[in-house]
Amino acid sequence: MSVITLGVEDLERSRRFYVGGFGWAPVFENDTILFYQMNGFVLGTWLKRELEADTGLPASGSGAVAFAHNVLVREAVASALAQLAAHGGTILKPAADTFYGGHAGYVADPDGHVWEVAWNPAWPISPEGYVTFKS
């Protein structure tokens, strides 16, 4: 995987969520799309009408998909969810302890894309922000 593209209704509203909420800086933007450089891939937010025109298919909701943003410490889950809600997100599930010994909650971006914010003590995060899967 190299790029994930999310269809959005309003680019500026989406920008407020991803820049203000997560603190991510776009690496490219124009009137229809914003790209964010992530850890090893690119995230794009593209106007739904453009995505639909390009694919020939309607840009549907999130379905059974959730994206995840891991944080360094347990306490950061609730504060990240609050920050995202303050920038247009909707908290779907508040921060709570998980079955795997971590702590997580869910938020939807302004277009309904679901994000998990999680702290997993078994998955180290490098100084660059890379998560390593540990079983």
C-alpha atoms as a PDB file:
ATOM      1  CA  MET A   1       0.000   0.000   0.000  1.00  0.00           C
ATOM      2  CA  SER A   2       1.359   3.409  -0.850  1.00  0.00           C
ATOM      3  CA  VAL A   3      -1.624   5.824  -0.831  1.00  0.00           C
ATOM      4  CA  ILE A   4      -4.991   5.889   0.947  1.00  0.00           C
ATOM      5  CA  THR A   5      -7.487   8.361  -0.486  1.00  0.00           C
ATOM      6  CA  LEU A   6     -10.590   9.402   1.445  1.00  0.00           C
ATOM      7  CA  GLY A   7     -13.518  11.048  -0.334  1.00  0.00           C
ATOM      8  CA  VAL A   8     -14.651  14.217   1.439  1.00  0.00           C
ATOM      9  CA  GLU A   9     -17.542  16.638   0.888  1.00  0.00           C
ATOM     10  CA  ASP A  10     -15.767  19.820   2.005  1.00  0.00           C
ATOM     11  CA  LEU A  11     -11.995  20.109   1.684  1.00  0.00           C
ATOM     12  CA  GLU A  12     -11.631  22.967   4.187  1.00  0.00           C
ATOM     13  CA  ARG A  13     -13.750  21.166   6.797  1.00  0.00           C
ATOM     14  CA  SER A  14     -11.603  18.062   6.286  1.00  0.00           C
ATOM     15  CA  ARG A  15      -8.442  20.184   6.555  1.00  0.00           C
ATOM     16  CA  ARG A  16      -9.556  21.537   9.951  1.00  0.00           C
ATOM     17  CA  PHE A  17     -10.003  17.965  11.234  1.00  0.00           C
ATOM     18  CA  TYR A  18      -6.701  16.540   9.960  1.00  0.00           C
ATOM     19  CA  VAL A  19      -4.495  19.614  10.455  1.00  0.00           C
ATOM     20  CA  GLY A  20      -6.114  20.984  13.624  1.00  0.00           C
ATOM     21  CA  GLY A  21      -7.107  17.642  15.119  1.00  0.00           C
ATOM     22  CA  PHE A  22      -4.168  15.379  14.331  1.00  0.00           C
ATOM     23  CA  GLY A  23      -1.664  18.169  13.675  1.00  0.00           C
ATOM     24  CA  TRP A  24      -0.676  16.802  10.266  1.00  0.00           C
ATOM     25  CA  ALA A  25       0.733  19.224   7.680  1.00  0.00           C
ATOM     26  CA  PRO A  26      -0.273  18.881   4.024  1.00  0.00           C
ATOM     27  CA  VAL A  27       2.617  18.289   1.637  1.00  0.00           C
ATOM     28  CA  PHE A  28       0.520  19.208  -1.408  1.00  0.00           C
ATOM     29  CA  GLU A  29      -2.847  20.833  -1.913  1.00  0.00           C
ATOM     30  CA  ASN A  30      -5.015  22.349  -4.594  1.00  0.00           C
ATOM     31  CA  ASP A  31      -8.725  23.109  -4.956  1.00  0.00           C
ATOM     32  CA  THR A  32      -9.758  19.431  -4.941  1.00  0.00           C
ATOM     33  CA  ILE A  33      -7.208  17.416  -2.926  1.00  0.00           C
ATOM     34  CA  LEU A  34      -4.799  17.530   0.026  1.00  0.00           C
ATOM     35  CA  PHE A  35      -1.971  15.050   0.523  1.00  0.00           C
ATOM     36  CA  TYR A  36      -0.318  14.296   3.877  1.00  0.00           C
ATOM     37  CA  GLN A  37       3.006  12.459   4.096  1.00  0.00           C
ATOM     38  CA  MET A  38       2.567   9.673   6.607  1.00  0.00           C
ATOM     39  CA  ASN A  39       4.965   7.015   7.901  1.00  0.00           C
ATOM     40  CA  GLY A  40       5.720   5.118   4.711  1.00  0.00           C
ATOM     41  CA  PHE A  41       2.619   6.115   2.753  1.00  0.00           C
ATOM     42  CA  VAL A  42       0.556   9.119   1.651  1.00  0.00           C
ATOM     43  CA  LEU A  43      -2.949   9.990   2.856  1.00  0.00           C
ATOM     44  CA  GLY A  44      -5.094  11.974   0.454  1.00  0.00           C
ATOM     45  CA  THR A  45      -8.381  13.751   1.077  1.00  0.00           C
ATOM     46  CA  TRP A  46     -10.120  14.319  -2.250  1.00  0.00           C
ATOM     47  CA  LEU A  47     -13.470  15.898  -2.967  1.00  0.00           C
ATOM     48  CA  LYS A  48     -16.027  13.086  -3.306  1.00  0.00           C
ATOM     49  CA  ARG A  49     -17.308  14.372  -6.631  1.00  0.00           C
ATOM     50  CA  GLU A  50     -13.769  14.105  -8.050  1.00  0.00           C
ATOM     51  CA  LEU A  51     -13.239  10.621  -6.606  1.00  0.00           C
ATOM     52  CA  GLU A  52     -16.610   9.490  -7.973  1.00  0.00           C
ATOM     53  CA  ALA A  53     -15.802  10.926 -11.411  1.00  0.00           C
ATOM     54  CA  ASP A  54     -12.388   9.262 -11.452  1.00  0.00           C
ATOM     55  CA  THR A  55     -13.607   5.810 -10.368  1.00  0.00           C
ATOM     56  CA  GLY A  56     -17.054   5.889 -11.926  1.00  0.00           C
ATOM     57  CA  LEU A  57     -18.437   4.657  -8.592  1.00  0.00           C
ATOM     58  CA  PRO A  58     -20.177   6.439  -5.732  1.00  0.00           C
ATOM     59  CA  ALA A  59     -17.848   7.240  -2.822  1.00  0.00           C
ATOM     60  CA  SER A  60     -19.518   5.271  -0.022  1.00  0.00           C
ATOM     61  CA  GLY A  61     -19.184   5.588   3.756  1.00  0.00           C
ATOM     62  CA  SER A  62     -16.632   3.785   5.833  1.00  0.00           C
ATOM     63  CA  GLY A  63     -18.383   0.407   5.814  1.00  0.00           C
ATOM     64  CA  ALA A  64     -16.421  -2.063   7.918  1.00  0.00           C
ATOM     65  CA  VAL A  65     -13.186  -0.058   7.804  1.00  0.00           C
ATOM     66  CA  ALA A  66     -11.424   1.798  10.603  1.00  0.00           C
ATOM     67  CA  PHE A  67      -8.110   3.585  10.384  1.00  0.00           C
ATOM     68  CA  ALA A  68      -5.900   3.711  13.468  1.00  0.00           C
ATOM     69  CA  HIS A  69      -3.690   6.353  15.021  1.00  0.00           C
ATOM     70  CA  ASN A  70      -1.486   5.002  17.813  1.00  0.00           C
ATOM     71  CA  VAL A  71      -0.225   7.263  20.585  1.00  0.00           C
ATOM     72  CA  LEU A  72       2.765   6.964  22.919  1.00  0.00           C
ATOM     73  CA  VAL A  73       0.987   6.933  26.279  1.00  0.00           C
ATOM     74  CA  ARG A  74      -2.385   5.817  27.641  1.00  0.00           C
ATOM     75  CA  GLU A  75      -3.384   9.336  28.711  1.00  0.00           C
ATOM     76  CA  ALA A  76      -2.963  10.640  25.157  1.00  0.00           C
ATOM     77  CA  VAL A  77      -5.991   8.678  23.880  1.00  0.00           C
ATOM     78  CA  ALA A  78      -8.639  10.822  25.594  1.00  0.00           C
ATOM     79  CA  SER A  79      -6.843  14.087  24.816  1.00  0.00           C
ATOM     80  CA  ALA A  80      -6.429  13.126  21.131  1.00  0.00           C
ATOM     81  CA  LEU A  81     -10.127  12.253  20.882  1.00  0.00           C
ATOM     82  CA  ALA A  82     -11.047  15.598  22.469  1.00  0.00           C
ATOM     83  CA  GLN A  83      -8.727  17.463  20.090  1.00  0.00           C
ATOM     84  CA  LEU A  84     -10.262  15.700  17.079  1.00  0.00           C
ATOM     85  CA  ALA A  85     -13.804  16.422  18.311  1.00  0.00           C
ATOM     86  CA  ALA A  86     -12.878  20.087  18.770  1.00  0.00           C
ATOM     87  CA  HIS A  87     -11.902  20.173  15.088  1.00  0.00           C
ATOM     88  CA  GLY A  88     -15.081  18.676  13.649  1.00  0.00           C
ATOM     89  CA  GLY A  89     -14.890  15.009  14.601  1.00  0.00           C
ATOM     90  CA  THR A  90     -17.626  13.027  16.333  1.00  0.00           C
ATOM     91  CA  ILE A  91     -16.624  10.745  19.187  1.00  0.00           C
ATOM     92  CA  LEU A  92     -18.127   7.318  18.514  1.00  0.00           C
ATOM     93  CA  LYS A  93     -16.664   5.547  21.545  1.00  0.00           C
ATOM     94  CA  PRO A  94     -14.884   7.328  24.386  1.00  0.00           C
ATOM     95  CA  ALA A  95     -11.461   6.211  25.564  1.00  0.00           C
ATOM     96  CA  ALA A  96     -11.658   2.947  27.502  1.00  0.00           C
ATOM     97  CA  ASP A  97      -9.482  -0.009  28.432  1.00  0.00           C
ATOM     98  CA  THR A  98      -9.313  -2.729  25.786  1.00  0.00           C
ATOM     99  CA  PHE A  99      -9.308  -6.528  25.845  1.00  0.00           C
ATOM    100  CA  TYR A 100      -5.615  -6.562  24.792  1.00  0.00           C
ATOM    101  CA  GLY A 101      -4.429  -4.450  27.728  1.00  0.00           C
ATOM    102  CA  GLY A 102      -4.387  -1.154  25.890  1.00  0.00           C
ATOM    103  CA  HIS A 103      -6.612   1.898  25.866  1.00  0.00           C
ATOM    104  CA  ALA A 104      -8.593   3.148  22.846  1.00  0.00           C
ATOM    105  CA  GLY A 105     -11.558   5.097  21.530  1.00  0.00           C
ATOM    106  CA  TYR A 106     -13.138   5.912  18.170  1.00  0.00           C
ATOM    107  CA  VAL A 107     -13.887   9.151  16.359  1.00  0.00           C
ATOM    108  CA  ALA A 108     -15.440   9.850  12.965  1.00  0.00           C
ATOM    109  CA  ASP A 109     -14.063  12.591  10.754  1.00  0.00           C
ATOM    110  CA  PRO A 110     -16.552  15.127   9.323  1.00  0.00           C
ATOM    111  CA  ASP A 111     -17.275  12.758   6.406  1.00  0.00           C
ATOM    112  CA  GLY A 112     -17.865   9.696   8.580  1.00  0.00           C
ATOM    113  CA  HIS A 113     -14.484   7.974   8.133  1.00  0.00           C
ATOM    114  CA  VAL A 114     -13.807   6.073  11.356  1.00  0.00           C
ATOM    115  CA  TRP A 115     -10.528   6.483  13.231  1.00  0.00           C
ATOM    116  CA  GLU A 116      -9.390   4.510  16.255  1.00  0.00           C
ATOM    117  CA  VAL A 117      -7.045   6.348  18.607  1.00  0.00           C
ATOM    118  CA  ALA A 118      -5.155   3.714  20.544  1.00  0.00           C
ATOM    119  CA  TRP A 119      -2.368   3.100  23.009  1.00  0.00           C
ATOM    120  CA  ASN A 120      -1.061  -0.446  22.875  1.00  0.00           C
ATOM    121  CA  PRO A 121       1.686  -1.205  25.412  1.00  0.00           C
ATOM    122  CA  ALA A 122       2.877  -4.162  23.321  1.00  0.00           C
ATOM    123  CA  TRP A 123       3.474  -2.105  20.158  1.00  0.00           C
ATOM    124  CA  PRO A 124       6.470   0.216  20.406  1.00  0.00           C
ATOM    125  CA  ILE A 125       6.481   3.495  18.496  1.00  0.00           C
ATOM    126  CA  SER A 126       9.799   4.756  17.135  1.00  0.00           C
ATOM    127  CA  PRO A 127      10.903   8.399  17.472  1.00  0.00           C
ATOM    128  CA  GLU A 128       9.770   8.822  13.832  1.00  0.00           C
ATOM    129  CA  GLY A 129       6.270   7.581  14.738  1.00  0.00           C
ATOM    130  CA  TYR A 130       6.479   4.105  13.195  1.00  0.00           C
ATOM    131  CA  VAL A 131       4.475   1.399  14.955  1.00  0.00           C
ATOM    132  CA  THR A 132       5.981  -2.072  15.226  1.00  0.00           C
ATOM    133  CA  PHE A 133       3.661  -5.065  15.481  1.00  0.00           C
ATOM    134  CA  LYS A 134       4.575  -7.250  18.431  1.00  0.00           C
ATOM    135  CA  SER A 135       2.585 -10.338  19.344  1.00  0.00           C
END
